N, C-alpha and C. Protein backbone atom coordinates (compact mmCIF):
# COMPACT_ATOMS: atom_id res chain seq x y z
N MET A 1 -30.75 -31.72 -4.46
CA MET A 1 -31.47 -31.91 -3.22
C MET A 1 -30.82 -32.98 -2.33
N PHE A 2 -30.32 -34.04 -2.94
CA PHE A 2 -29.70 -35.09 -2.16
C PHE A 2 -28.28 -34.71 -1.82
N MET A 3 -27.83 -35.19 -0.67
CA MET A 3 -26.42 -35.00 -0.31
C MET A 3 -25.60 -35.89 -1.24
N ASP A 4 -24.29 -35.93 -1.00
CA ASP A 4 -23.43 -36.80 -1.80
C ASP A 4 -24.00 -38.20 -1.84
N GLU A 5 -23.74 -38.89 -2.94
CA GLU A 5 -24.27 -40.23 -3.18
C GLU A 5 -24.10 -41.14 -1.97
N SER A 6 -23.01 -41.06 -1.25
CA SER A 6 -22.72 -42.01 -0.18
C SER A 6 -23.22 -41.57 1.20
N GLN A 7 -23.91 -40.44 1.30
CA GLN A 7 -24.25 -39.90 2.61
C GLN A 7 -25.54 -40.44 3.24
N LEU A 8 -26.66 -40.41 2.53
CA LEU A 8 -27.93 -40.83 3.12
C LEU A 8 -27.99 -42.35 3.16
N LYS A 9 -28.32 -42.88 4.34
CA LYS A 9 -28.44 -44.33 4.52
C LYS A 9 -29.73 -44.60 5.29
N ILE A 10 -30.35 -45.74 4.99
CA ILE A 10 -31.59 -46.12 5.67
C ILE A 10 -31.51 -47.61 6.01
N VAL A 11 -31.91 -47.94 7.23
CA VAL A 11 -32.08 -49.34 7.62
C VAL A 11 -33.54 -49.49 8.03
N ASN A 12 -34.26 -50.37 7.34
CA ASN A 12 -35.67 -50.64 7.66
C ASN A 12 -35.77 -52.02 8.30
N ILE A 13 -36.51 -52.09 9.39
CA ILE A 13 -36.72 -53.37 10.08
C ILE A 13 -38.22 -53.54 10.27
N SER A 14 -38.73 -54.67 9.80
CA SER A 14 -40.15 -54.95 10.00
C SER A 14 -40.32 -56.39 10.43
N SER A 15 -41.47 -56.68 10.98
CA SER A 15 -41.75 -58.00 11.52
C SER A 15 -42.21 -58.94 10.41
N LYS A 16 -41.75 -60.18 10.46
CA LYS A 16 -42.30 -61.20 9.58
C LYS A 16 -43.66 -61.57 10.14
N GLY A 17 -44.62 -61.84 9.30
CA GLY A 17 -45.97 -62.11 9.80
C GLY A 17 -46.55 -60.80 10.32
N PHE A 18 -46.80 -59.87 9.42
CA PHE A 18 -47.19 -58.50 9.75
C PHE A 18 -48.25 -58.42 10.85
N LYS A 19 -47.93 -57.65 11.88
CA LYS A 19 -48.88 -57.35 12.96
C LYS A 19 -48.96 -55.84 13.07
N LYS A 20 -50.14 -55.34 13.36
CA LYS A 20 -50.31 -53.90 13.50
C LYS A 20 -49.94 -53.47 14.91
N GLU A 21 -48.67 -53.62 15.23
CA GLU A 21 -48.18 -53.17 16.53
C GLU A 21 -46.74 -52.73 16.36
N LEU A 22 -46.29 -51.90 17.29
CA LEU A 22 -44.92 -51.41 17.25
C LEU A 22 -43.95 -52.54 17.56
N LEU A 23 -42.80 -52.53 16.88
CA LEU A 23 -41.78 -53.54 17.15
C LEU A 23 -41.16 -53.35 18.53
N VAL A 24 -40.98 -52.09 18.90
CA VAL A 24 -40.41 -51.75 20.21
C VAL A 24 -41.21 -50.59 20.79
N SER A 25 -41.16 -50.45 22.09
CA SER A 25 -41.91 -49.37 22.76
C SER A 25 -41.24 -48.02 22.53
N LYS A 26 -41.97 -46.96 22.84
CA LYS A 26 -41.43 -45.61 22.73
C LYS A 26 -40.18 -45.46 23.59
N LYS A 27 -40.23 -46.02 24.78
CA LYS A 27 -39.09 -45.93 25.69
C LYS A 27 -37.86 -46.64 25.10
N GLU A 28 -38.08 -47.81 24.50
CA GLU A 28 -36.98 -48.55 23.87
C GLU A 28 -36.43 -47.79 22.66
N VAL A 29 -37.31 -47.12 21.92
CA VAL A 29 -36.87 -46.31 20.78
C VAL A 29 -35.99 -45.17 21.27
N ASP A 30 -36.38 -44.54 22.37
CA ASP A 30 -35.57 -43.45 22.93
C ASP A 30 -34.18 -43.93 23.31
N VAL A 31 -34.11 -45.12 23.92
CA VAL A 31 -32.82 -45.70 24.30
C VAL A 31 -31.99 -46.01 23.05
N LEU A 32 -32.62 -46.64 22.07
CA LEU A 32 -31.93 -46.99 20.83
C LEU A 32 -31.44 -45.73 20.12
N ARG A 33 -32.29 -44.71 20.03
CA ARG A 33 -31.93 -43.46 19.37
C ARG A 33 -30.73 -42.81 20.06
N SER A 34 -30.77 -42.73 21.38
CA SER A 34 -29.66 -42.11 22.12
C SER A 34 -28.35 -42.85 21.90
N PHE A 35 -28.43 -44.17 21.95
CA PHE A 35 -27.24 -45.00 21.76
C PHE A 35 -26.67 -44.83 20.35
N LEU A 36 -27.53 -44.92 19.34
CA LEU A 36 -27.07 -44.79 17.96
C LEU A 36 -26.55 -43.39 17.68
N LYS A 37 -27.22 -42.39 18.22
CA LYS A 37 -26.80 -41.00 18.02
C LYS A 37 -25.40 -40.78 18.57
N GLU A 38 -25.13 -41.36 19.72
CA GLU A 38 -23.81 -41.24 20.34
C GLU A 38 -22.74 -41.88 19.46
N MET A 39 -23.07 -42.96 18.79
CA MET A 39 -22.08 -43.68 17.98
C MET A 39 -21.96 -43.10 16.55
N ILE A 40 -23.07 -42.72 15.95
CA ILE A 40 -23.04 -42.23 14.57
C ILE A 40 -22.67 -40.75 14.50
N LYS A 41 -23.02 -40.00 15.50
CA LYS A 41 -22.67 -38.58 15.67
C LYS A 41 -23.50 -37.59 14.87
N GLY A 42 -23.71 -37.76 13.59
CA GLY A 42 -24.41 -36.77 12.78
C GLY A 42 -25.91 -36.84 12.93
N GLU A 43 -26.61 -36.27 11.95
CA GLU A 43 -28.07 -36.33 11.96
C GLU A 43 -28.49 -37.79 11.82
N MET A 44 -29.37 -38.21 12.73
CA MET A 44 -29.81 -39.59 12.75
C MET A 44 -31.15 -39.64 13.46
N MET A 45 -32.09 -40.38 12.93
CA MET A 45 -33.36 -40.51 13.64
C MET A 45 -33.93 -41.90 13.45
N VAL A 46 -34.74 -42.28 14.43
CA VAL A 46 -35.40 -43.57 14.44
C VAL A 46 -36.90 -43.29 14.40
N ILE A 47 -37.57 -43.81 13.39
CA ILE A 47 -39.02 -43.64 13.25
C ILE A 47 -39.66 -45.00 13.52
N ASN A 48 -40.57 -45.03 14.49
CA ASN A 48 -41.21 -46.26 14.94
C ASN A 48 -42.70 -46.19 14.63
N THR A 49 -43.16 -46.99 13.67
CA THR A 49 -44.58 -47.02 13.32
C THR A 49 -45.05 -48.47 13.30
N ASN A 50 -46.35 -48.65 13.08
CA ASN A 50 -46.90 -50.00 12.96
C ASN A 50 -46.36 -50.75 11.75
N MET A 51 -45.72 -50.04 10.84
CA MET A 51 -45.13 -50.66 9.65
C MET A 51 -43.72 -51.17 9.92
N GLY A 52 -43.12 -50.75 11.03
CA GLY A 52 -41.78 -51.18 11.36
C GLY A 52 -40.94 -50.03 11.88
N LEU A 53 -39.66 -50.27 11.91
CA LEU A 53 -38.70 -49.31 12.44
C LEU A 53 -37.83 -48.83 11.28
N GLY A 54 -37.70 -47.52 11.14
CA GLY A 54 -36.84 -46.95 10.11
C GLY A 54 -35.74 -46.16 10.78
N ILE A 55 -34.50 -46.45 10.46
CA ILE A 55 -33.36 -45.70 11.00
C ILE A 55 -32.74 -44.97 9.82
N TYR A 56 -32.75 -43.64 9.90
CA TYR A 56 -32.27 -42.77 8.83
C TYR A 56 -31.06 -42.01 9.35
N TYR A 57 -29.99 -41.96 8.54
CA TYR A 57 -28.80 -41.23 9.00
C TYR A 57 -27.94 -40.79 7.82
N TYR A 58 -27.11 -39.80 8.11
CA TYR A 58 -26.10 -39.34 7.16
C TYR A 58 -24.75 -39.84 7.64
N ASP A 59 -24.03 -40.49 6.79
CA ASP A 59 -22.65 -40.83 7.10
C ASP A 59 -22.00 -41.40 5.85
N PHE A 60 -20.71 -41.21 5.75
CA PHE A 60 -19.97 -41.80 4.63
C PHE A 60 -19.93 -43.32 4.78
N TYR A 61 -19.87 -43.78 6.03
CA TYR A 61 -19.75 -45.21 6.32
C TYR A 61 -21.12 -45.85 6.53
N ASN A 62 -21.21 -47.10 6.15
CA ASN A 62 -22.42 -47.89 6.34
C ASN A 62 -22.38 -48.50 7.75
N HIS A 63 -23.37 -48.18 8.56
CA HIS A 63 -23.44 -48.69 9.94
C HIS A 63 -24.50 -49.77 10.10
N GLU A 64 -24.86 -50.43 9.01
CA GLU A 64 -25.94 -51.42 9.05
C GLU A 64 -25.74 -52.47 10.15
N ASP A 65 -24.58 -53.10 10.19
CA ASP A 65 -24.35 -54.17 11.17
C ASP A 65 -24.50 -53.65 12.60
N PHE A 66 -23.93 -52.50 12.86
CA PHE A 66 -24.02 -51.90 14.19
C PHE A 66 -25.47 -51.60 14.56
N ILE A 67 -26.22 -51.02 13.63
CA ILE A 67 -27.63 -50.66 13.87
C ILE A 67 -28.46 -51.92 14.10
N VAL A 68 -28.31 -52.90 13.23
CA VAL A 68 -29.09 -54.14 13.35
C VAL A 68 -28.76 -54.85 14.66
N ASN A 69 -27.49 -54.96 15.00
CA ASN A 69 -27.11 -55.62 16.25
C ASN A 69 -27.65 -54.89 17.47
N SER A 70 -27.67 -53.56 17.42
CA SER A 70 -28.23 -52.78 18.52
C SER A 70 -29.73 -53.05 18.67
N PHE A 71 -30.44 -53.10 17.54
CA PHE A 71 -31.86 -53.42 17.57
C PHE A 71 -32.09 -54.83 18.10
N LEU A 72 -31.28 -55.77 17.64
CA LEU A 72 -31.46 -57.17 18.05
C LEU A 72 -31.22 -57.37 19.55
N LEU A 73 -30.41 -56.52 20.16
CA LEU A 73 -30.25 -56.58 21.62
C LEU A 73 -31.59 -56.30 22.31
N LEU A 74 -32.31 -55.31 21.80
CA LEU A 74 -33.64 -55.00 22.34
C LEU A 74 -34.62 -56.15 22.07
N ALA A 75 -34.56 -56.67 20.85
CA ALA A 75 -35.48 -57.75 20.46
C ALA A 75 -35.21 -59.01 21.27
N ALA A 76 -33.95 -59.27 21.59
CA ALA A 76 -33.59 -60.49 22.35
C ALA A 76 -34.24 -60.48 23.73
N CYS A 77 -34.45 -59.31 24.28
CA CYS A 77 -35.12 -59.20 25.60
C CYS A 77 -36.56 -59.71 25.52
N LYS A 78 -37.12 -59.74 24.32
CA LYS A 78 -38.49 -60.23 24.12
C LYS A 78 -38.48 -61.63 23.52
N GLY A 79 -37.31 -62.26 23.52
CA GLY A 79 -37.20 -63.62 23.02
C GLY A 79 -37.20 -63.74 21.51
N LYS A 80 -36.89 -62.66 20.81
CA LYS A 80 -36.90 -62.68 19.35
C LYS A 80 -35.47 -62.61 18.82
N SER A 81 -35.30 -63.17 17.62
CA SER A 81 -33.98 -63.17 16.97
C SER A 81 -34.10 -62.55 15.59
N LYS A 82 -32.98 -62.50 14.90
CA LYS A 82 -32.95 -61.92 13.55
C LYS A 82 -33.93 -62.60 12.61
N ASP A 83 -34.20 -63.89 12.83
CA ASP A 83 -35.13 -64.65 11.98
C ASP A 83 -36.57 -64.14 12.05
N HIS A 84 -36.91 -63.35 13.06
CA HIS A 84 -38.26 -62.83 13.22
C HIS A 84 -38.51 -61.55 12.41
N PHE A 85 -37.45 -61.04 11.75
CA PHE A 85 -37.55 -59.72 11.12
C PHE A 85 -37.07 -59.72 9.67
N PHE A 86 -37.67 -58.81 8.90
CA PHE A 86 -37.14 -58.45 7.59
C PHE A 86 -36.24 -57.25 7.83
N ILE A 87 -35.04 -57.30 7.34
CA ILE A 87 -34.09 -56.20 7.51
C ILE A 87 -33.60 -55.78 6.14
N GLN A 88 -33.70 -54.50 5.88
CA GLN A 88 -33.31 -53.97 4.57
C GLN A 88 -32.42 -52.75 4.78
N SER A 89 -31.29 -52.76 4.11
CA SER A 89 -30.36 -51.63 4.19
C SER A 89 -30.28 -50.96 2.83
N LEU A 90 -30.49 -49.66 2.81
CA LEU A 90 -30.43 -48.88 1.57
C LEU A 90 -29.27 -47.89 1.69
N ASN A 91 -28.30 -48.02 0.79
CA ASN A 91 -27.07 -47.26 0.93
C ASN A 91 -26.72 -46.36 -0.24
N ASN A 92 -27.59 -46.28 -1.25
CA ASN A 92 -27.32 -45.34 -2.34
C ASN A 92 -28.64 -44.74 -2.80
N ASN A 93 -28.53 -43.59 -3.43
CA ASN A 93 -29.72 -42.82 -3.79
C ASN A 93 -30.69 -43.57 -4.69
N GLU A 94 -30.17 -44.32 -5.65
CA GLU A 94 -31.05 -45.03 -6.57
C GLU A 94 -31.88 -46.10 -5.85
N ASN A 95 -31.24 -46.88 -4.99
CA ASN A 95 -31.97 -47.89 -4.21
C ASN A 95 -32.98 -47.24 -3.28
N ILE A 96 -32.60 -46.13 -2.68
CA ILE A 96 -33.50 -45.42 -1.77
C ILE A 96 -34.73 -44.92 -2.54
N ARG A 97 -34.52 -44.34 -3.71
CA ARG A 97 -35.65 -43.84 -4.52
C ARG A 97 -36.57 -44.99 -4.94
N LEU A 98 -35.99 -46.07 -5.44
CA LEU A 98 -36.80 -47.20 -5.91
C LEU A 98 -37.60 -47.83 -4.76
N GLU A 99 -36.96 -48.04 -3.63
CA GLU A 99 -37.65 -48.67 -2.49
C GLU A 99 -38.72 -47.75 -1.91
N THR A 100 -38.45 -46.46 -1.87
CA THR A 100 -39.43 -45.50 -1.38
C THR A 100 -40.68 -45.52 -2.26
N HIS A 101 -40.48 -45.52 -3.56
CA HIS A 101 -41.60 -45.58 -4.49
C HIS A 101 -42.39 -46.88 -4.30
N ARG A 102 -41.69 -48.00 -4.21
CA ARG A 102 -42.33 -49.31 -4.02
C ARG A 102 -43.12 -49.34 -2.71
N PHE A 103 -42.53 -48.81 -1.63
CA PHE A 103 -43.18 -48.81 -0.32
C PHE A 103 -44.48 -48.01 -0.35
N PHE A 104 -44.43 -46.78 -0.90
CA PHE A 104 -45.63 -45.96 -0.92
C PHE A 104 -46.69 -46.53 -1.87
N GLU A 105 -46.26 -47.12 -2.96
CA GLU A 105 -47.20 -47.74 -3.88
C GLU A 105 -47.99 -48.86 -3.18
N LYS A 106 -47.28 -49.64 -2.39
CA LYS A 106 -47.90 -50.72 -1.63
C LYS A 106 -48.80 -50.17 -0.51
N LEU A 107 -48.31 -49.16 0.19
CA LEU A 107 -49.03 -48.58 1.32
C LEU A 107 -50.32 -47.90 0.90
N ILE A 108 -50.30 -47.24 -0.24
CA ILE A 108 -51.47 -46.50 -0.71
C ILE A 108 -52.64 -47.43 -1.05
N LYS A 109 -52.37 -48.69 -1.30
CA LYS A 109 -53.44 -49.64 -1.60
C LYS A 109 -54.31 -49.91 -0.38
N ASN A 110 -53.85 -49.50 0.81
CA ASN A 110 -54.62 -49.65 2.03
C ASN A 110 -54.78 -48.26 2.66
N PRO A 111 -55.80 -47.50 2.26
CA PRO A 111 -55.95 -46.11 2.71
C PRO A 111 -55.98 -45.92 4.23
N LEU A 112 -56.63 -46.82 4.97
CA LEU A 112 -56.67 -46.66 6.43
C LEU A 112 -55.28 -46.83 7.04
N LEU A 113 -54.54 -47.80 6.55
CA LEU A 113 -53.18 -48.00 7.03
C LEU A 113 -52.30 -46.82 6.65
N PHE A 114 -52.50 -46.31 5.44
CA PHE A 114 -51.73 -45.16 4.99
C PHE A 114 -51.99 -43.95 5.88
N LYS A 115 -53.27 -43.72 6.21
CA LYS A 115 -53.60 -42.56 7.05
C LYS A 115 -52.99 -42.69 8.44
N SER A 116 -53.07 -43.86 9.05
CA SER A 116 -52.50 -44.01 10.39
C SER A 116 -50.97 -43.93 10.34
N TYR A 117 -50.38 -44.50 9.28
CA TYR A 117 -48.93 -44.43 9.12
C TYR A 117 -48.47 -42.98 8.96
N SER A 118 -49.14 -42.23 8.08
CA SER A 118 -48.71 -40.86 7.83
C SER A 118 -48.93 -39.97 9.05
N LYS A 119 -49.98 -40.23 9.81
CA LYS A 119 -50.22 -39.45 11.02
C LYS A 119 -49.10 -39.69 12.05
N SER A 120 -48.74 -40.94 12.25
CA SER A 120 -47.66 -41.28 13.18
C SER A 120 -46.33 -40.72 12.68
N LEU A 121 -46.08 -40.86 11.40
CA LEU A 121 -44.84 -40.37 10.81
C LEU A 121 -44.73 -38.85 10.99
N CYS A 122 -45.80 -38.13 10.68
CA CYS A 122 -45.78 -36.67 10.82
C CYS A 122 -45.51 -36.25 12.25
N HIS A 123 -46.15 -36.90 13.19
CA HIS A 123 -45.95 -36.58 14.61
C HIS A 123 -44.48 -36.76 15.00
N GLN A 124 -43.88 -37.87 14.59
CA GLN A 124 -42.49 -38.15 14.95
C GLN A 124 -41.52 -37.21 14.26
N LEU A 125 -41.77 -36.91 12.98
CA LEU A 125 -40.91 -35.97 12.27
C LEU A 125 -40.96 -34.60 12.93
N ASN A 126 -42.16 -34.20 13.31
CA ASN A 126 -42.35 -32.92 13.99
C ASN A 126 -41.54 -32.84 15.27
N SER A 127 -41.56 -33.89 16.06
CA SER A 127 -40.89 -33.84 17.36
C SER A 127 -39.37 -33.93 17.24
N HIS A 128 -38.85 -34.33 16.07
CA HIS A 128 -37.40 -34.45 15.91
C HIS A 128 -36.83 -33.49 14.88
N TYR A 129 -37.64 -32.52 14.47
CA TYR A 129 -37.22 -31.63 13.39
C TYR A 129 -35.99 -30.79 13.74
N GLU A 130 -35.99 -30.21 14.91
CA GLU A 130 -34.89 -29.29 15.25
C GLU A 130 -33.53 -29.96 15.18
N ALA A 131 -33.42 -31.19 15.64
CA ALA A 131 -32.14 -31.90 15.64
C ALA A 131 -31.80 -32.52 14.30
N ASN A 132 -32.78 -32.66 13.41
CA ASN A 132 -32.57 -33.38 12.15
C ASN A 132 -33.18 -32.67 10.95
N SER A 133 -33.15 -31.34 10.93
CA SER A 133 -33.86 -30.60 9.88
C SER A 133 -33.36 -30.94 8.48
N GLY A 134 -32.05 -31.06 8.28
CA GLY A 134 -31.53 -31.39 6.95
C GLY A 134 -31.99 -32.75 6.48
N LEU A 135 -31.91 -33.72 7.37
CA LEU A 135 -32.31 -35.08 7.06
C LEU A 135 -33.81 -35.15 6.76
N ILE A 136 -34.60 -34.52 7.60
CA ILE A 136 -36.06 -34.54 7.41
C ILE A 136 -36.47 -33.82 6.13
N ASN A 137 -35.86 -32.69 5.85
CA ASN A 137 -36.20 -31.98 4.61
C ASN A 137 -35.87 -32.83 3.38
N GLU A 138 -34.74 -33.52 3.42
CA GLU A 138 -34.38 -34.39 2.30
C GLU A 138 -35.37 -35.55 2.17
N LEU A 139 -35.75 -36.14 3.29
CA LEU A 139 -36.71 -37.24 3.26
C LEU A 139 -38.07 -36.78 2.76
N LEU A 140 -38.52 -35.60 3.20
CA LEU A 140 -39.79 -35.07 2.71
C LEU A 140 -39.77 -34.88 1.20
N HIS A 141 -38.66 -34.38 0.70
CA HIS A 141 -38.53 -34.20 -0.75
C HIS A 141 -38.59 -35.55 -1.46
N LEU A 142 -37.88 -36.51 -0.92
CA LEU A 142 -37.87 -37.87 -1.49
C LEU A 142 -39.27 -38.48 -1.48
N TRP A 143 -39.96 -38.39 -0.33
CA TRP A 143 -41.30 -38.96 -0.20
C TRP A 143 -42.30 -38.24 -1.10
N GLN A 144 -42.16 -36.94 -1.19
CA GLN A 144 -43.06 -36.16 -2.03
C GLN A 144 -42.91 -36.58 -3.49
N ASP A 145 -41.67 -36.72 -3.95
CA ASP A 145 -41.43 -37.17 -5.32
C ASP A 145 -42.07 -38.54 -5.57
N ALA A 146 -41.87 -39.45 -4.62
CA ALA A 146 -42.41 -40.81 -4.77
C ALA A 146 -43.94 -40.78 -4.82
N LEU A 147 -44.55 -40.00 -3.94
CA LEU A 147 -46.02 -39.94 -3.89
C LEU A 147 -46.62 -39.32 -5.13
N PHE A 148 -45.97 -38.30 -5.69
CA PHE A 148 -46.52 -37.65 -6.87
C PHE A 148 -46.38 -38.51 -8.13
N GLN A 149 -45.53 -39.51 -8.09
CA GLN A 149 -45.37 -40.41 -9.23
C GLN A 149 -46.40 -41.54 -9.22
N ILE A 150 -47.07 -41.70 -8.09
CA ILE A 150 -48.02 -42.80 -7.95
C ILE A 150 -49.41 -42.33 -8.34
N ASP A 151 -50.10 -43.14 -9.14
CA ASP A 151 -51.46 -42.83 -9.56
C ASP A 151 -52.39 -43.17 -8.40
N THR A 152 -52.89 -42.15 -7.72
CA THR A 152 -53.74 -42.37 -6.55
C THR A 152 -55.13 -41.82 -6.78
N LYS A 153 -56.04 -42.26 -5.92
CA LYS A 153 -57.40 -41.72 -5.95
C LYS A 153 -57.36 -40.27 -5.49
N GLN A 154 -58.29 -39.49 -5.98
CA GLN A 154 -58.34 -38.06 -5.66
C GLN A 154 -58.42 -37.82 -4.15
N GLU A 155 -59.23 -38.61 -3.44
CA GLU A 155 -59.39 -38.43 -1.99
C GLU A 155 -58.07 -38.66 -1.26
N LEU A 156 -57.36 -39.68 -1.65
CA LEU A 156 -56.09 -40.00 -1.02
C LEU A 156 -55.05 -38.92 -1.34
N THR A 157 -55.07 -38.41 -2.56
CA THR A 157 -54.16 -37.33 -2.94
C THR A 157 -54.40 -36.11 -2.06
N ARG A 158 -55.67 -35.78 -1.79
CA ARG A 158 -55.97 -34.65 -0.90
C ARG A 158 -55.44 -34.90 0.50
N THR A 159 -55.57 -36.13 1.00
CA THR A 159 -55.06 -36.47 2.32
C THR A 159 -53.55 -36.30 2.36
N ILE A 160 -52.87 -36.78 1.34
CA ILE A 160 -51.42 -36.68 1.26
C ILE A 160 -50.99 -35.21 1.26
N LEU A 161 -51.60 -34.42 0.38
CA LEU A 161 -51.24 -33.01 0.28
C LEU A 161 -51.54 -32.26 1.56
N SER A 162 -52.65 -32.59 2.21
CA SER A 162 -53.01 -31.96 3.47
C SER A 162 -51.95 -32.24 4.54
N ASN A 163 -51.54 -33.52 4.64
CA ASN A 163 -50.51 -33.87 5.63
C ASN A 163 -49.19 -33.17 5.33
N MET A 164 -48.81 -33.11 4.07
CA MET A 164 -47.56 -32.45 3.71
C MET A 164 -47.63 -30.95 4.00
N SER A 165 -48.78 -30.34 3.75
CA SER A 165 -48.93 -28.92 4.04
C SER A 165 -48.80 -28.65 5.54
N LYS A 166 -49.41 -29.51 6.35
CA LYS A 166 -49.31 -29.35 7.81
C LYS A 166 -47.86 -29.49 8.27
N LEU A 167 -47.16 -30.46 7.69
CA LEU A 167 -45.75 -30.65 8.04
C LEU A 167 -44.93 -29.42 7.65
N GLU A 168 -45.13 -28.95 6.42
CA GLU A 168 -44.38 -27.78 5.96
C GLU A 168 -44.64 -26.59 6.89
N ASP A 169 -45.91 -26.35 7.23
CA ASP A 169 -46.25 -25.23 8.10
C ASP A 169 -45.59 -25.36 9.47
N SER A 170 -45.61 -26.55 10.01
CA SER A 170 -44.99 -26.79 11.31
C SER A 170 -43.49 -26.54 11.26
N PHE A 171 -42.84 -27.01 10.19
CA PHE A 171 -41.40 -26.84 10.06
C PHE A 171 -41.03 -25.38 9.87
N ILE A 172 -41.85 -24.66 9.14
CA ILE A 172 -41.60 -23.24 8.92
C ILE A 172 -41.60 -22.51 10.26
N GLU A 173 -42.59 -22.80 11.11
CA GLU A 173 -42.68 -22.15 12.41
C GLU A 173 -41.48 -22.44 13.29
N LYS A 174 -40.98 -23.68 13.24
CA LYS A 174 -39.85 -24.05 14.09
C LYS A 174 -38.53 -23.52 13.57
N ALA A 175 -38.41 -23.35 12.27
CA ALA A 175 -37.12 -23.07 11.69
C ALA A 175 -36.89 -21.61 11.29
N SER A 176 -37.88 -20.76 11.40
CA SER A 176 -37.74 -19.44 10.80
C SER A 176 -38.19 -18.31 11.72
N LYS A 177 -37.68 -17.13 11.40
CA LYS A 177 -38.13 -15.90 12.07
C LYS A 177 -39.42 -15.45 11.40
N PRO A 178 -40.24 -14.62 12.09
CA PRO A 178 -41.57 -14.25 11.56
C PRO A 178 -41.58 -13.74 10.12
N LEU A 179 -40.67 -12.84 9.76
CA LEU A 179 -40.67 -12.31 8.40
C LEU A 179 -40.35 -13.41 7.39
N LEU A 180 -39.39 -14.24 7.72
CA LEU A 180 -39.01 -15.35 6.84
C LEU A 180 -40.16 -16.35 6.74
N GLN A 181 -40.87 -16.58 7.85
CA GLN A 181 -42.02 -17.49 7.84
C GLN A 181 -43.05 -17.01 6.82
N GLN A 182 -43.33 -15.71 6.84
CA GLN A 182 -44.33 -15.15 5.92
C GLN A 182 -43.89 -15.33 4.47
N LEU A 183 -42.63 -15.06 4.17
CA LEU A 183 -42.12 -15.21 2.80
C LEU A 183 -42.19 -16.67 2.33
N ILE A 184 -41.83 -17.58 3.22
CA ILE A 184 -41.87 -19.00 2.86
C ILE A 184 -43.30 -19.44 2.61
N ARG A 185 -44.22 -19.01 3.49
CA ARG A 185 -45.63 -19.38 3.31
C ARG A 185 -46.17 -18.87 1.98
N GLU A 186 -45.83 -17.62 1.63
CA GLU A 186 -46.28 -17.06 0.37
C GLU A 186 -45.73 -17.85 -0.81
N SER A 187 -44.46 -18.25 -0.73
CA SER A 187 -43.85 -19.04 -1.79
C SER A 187 -44.53 -20.39 -1.92
N LEU A 188 -44.74 -21.06 -0.80
CA LEU A 188 -45.39 -22.37 -0.82
C LEU A 188 -46.83 -22.27 -1.32
N SER A 189 -47.50 -21.19 -0.96
CA SER A 189 -48.86 -20.98 -1.42
C SER A 189 -48.90 -20.89 -2.94
N ASP A 190 -47.93 -20.16 -3.51
CA ASP A 190 -47.85 -20.06 -4.98
C ASP A 190 -47.56 -21.41 -5.60
N LEU A 191 -46.67 -22.19 -4.97
CA LEU A 191 -46.34 -23.51 -5.49
C LEU A 191 -47.55 -24.45 -5.43
N ARG A 192 -48.31 -24.40 -4.33
CA ARG A 192 -49.46 -25.28 -4.18
C ARG A 192 -50.54 -24.97 -5.20
N ILE A 193 -50.68 -23.70 -5.56
CA ILE A 193 -51.68 -23.31 -6.54
C ILE A 193 -51.30 -23.84 -7.92
N ASN A 194 -50.00 -23.77 -8.22
CA ASN A 194 -49.53 -24.26 -9.52
C ASN A 194 -49.50 -25.73 -9.48
């Protein structure tokens, strides 16, 4: 499911002194995304939630310094520096898996935050699916694995599965012809029952 060991990279940026607000505006995210996309070239997306900013990309090379410096240019306009942020770069599959599991384990302890985070995440993934389908499918697989390993309350598990089902359905509609959509839905339906 994962690309070559050196391909998937993630840079996470969050605020020190957690605040339930976006680090940058939607307009600033669009500017940052366009700029980074031009430089990185391949599949790349920026996810902006109340939990922070996640930059996901495929490349053989690590672009952490470039990504962080680009973000800090935006932050400097608001009088903030690198000292105001936690910055984490994940450059191999094992670190990505471990951090993803740790992140969801922590997030699930706050169901309201989890619900708002997953709603925002789903909306953003949906709007960027066509340009980043390979990257998003890999991330969904990664997140799904992490979530199923966590011992959660039944109600939260239903919420998680419901959100994933909605995402899968949305992606099927965008990515497939009608006959293929039907076959995929039937397959997923069998998988969900099992």
